[in-house]
Amino acid sequence: MIRYTVGLIFIFVLVLSSCKRNPLDVDPVENCPKIEYVNLDSILFESPVAVLKLKHASQLKSWGGAYEYALGMCLQVPDPSDSSLIKTMSALKVNPFFIKTEQAIAKHFTNLAAYSDSISKGFAYLRAHLPSSKVPKRVFFANSWFWSNTFSTENALIIGLERYLGAKSEVIKQLPQEPFYDWMKLKMDARYLTRDVFCNWIMTHVAKEVEGNLAEQIVNWGKILYTTHAAIPHVDPSVILRYTPKEYAWAIENERNFWEYLVEQKFLFKVNEKNNMNFLSDGPFTPGLPDDKAPDRLGQFIGYQMIRNYLEANEQVTIKDMLTLPYTEILTEYEID
């Protein structure tokens, strides 16, 4: 009987010691600032020209940089005057492909409230980890005319809905091969929308920009991606990495091989723009590796793994603490499971 009891205690201790802390397991704050959600796409393209002209000046004043970005950069309105806006809008409203894009957005995004809820909840989670972090006053759902997925200003976020219509959408299929390559079209998926919102916001308002060697860049990307995951903790890591499940599985299986490759080639402590592009930038795959099945941005993946492993192993370190840690400390503790 004594042996049986000791055995149970040993198993219990073993199980406890094998359980890793989950740094993402927090309750969202209840007093997160309210966010105003604006369907700018509907306002610009469903409103009569006379209404647009009437409201244009007040919207330009109250919505500021986000409104100017949507008009000037995305829709190519040459200046913010009423006449330029009306001329551009009138031309777009009779553009066959633009009409088709608008129809696809309306059909695909029938419940923007669900995205609004997930974004608001995400900022409540982010505030739980970073109490003083900035929260946007407004989030605009827009048609960026394929200019960008998400864009952050000082106090607002813009989401280009057309870039999340999905690779099977006839609109996406009809985009020209250049600059919209097939690998780009495959990632124009709504499953990444909320992830992109937080990744963009965190890059703009939370993370520090670094210009050091590859190792520092890798760790910095890990900080950005893990903080993104902190805002949407129930999302699968593959989505955080902007990978398909198959790509994520490949990365996990080949994590050690890729790390050993970086070490053997002595890439980590070099400041080399080509290496940064190869290992950190979007593309159809990660260039320079023996296996052409390797997904892109494996450097970002390794960075995410470094931060996750570090926080799981150091229970006293919070996500807020992690953001200010020198990259060398995280690098030296990196171990592949």
Foldseek 3Di string as FASTA:
>chain_A
DVVVVVVVVVVVVVVVVPDFDDLLPDAFAPPPDDAAEAAVACVLQVDDLVVCLVCQVVCCVPVPPVVCCLVCVQQNQPDSHSVSSSVSNVVLNPPVLSVVLSVLLCVQPVDCVVVVVLLSQLVSLLCRQVVPFAAARYEYEHQSNPPDQWDDDPRYIYGNSSLASALPDPSLVPDDCPPCPSLSRRLSHPLLNSLVRQLNSCVVTPADDDQFALLQVLLSLLLSLVSSCSSVVVDDSCSSVSHDPVLVVVLLVCVVVVVVVCVVVVRGHDRDPVQCCQQQNADQARPDDPDRVHHHNSSSVNNNQLVSVVCRVDVVAHSVNSSPDRSVVSVVPDDRD
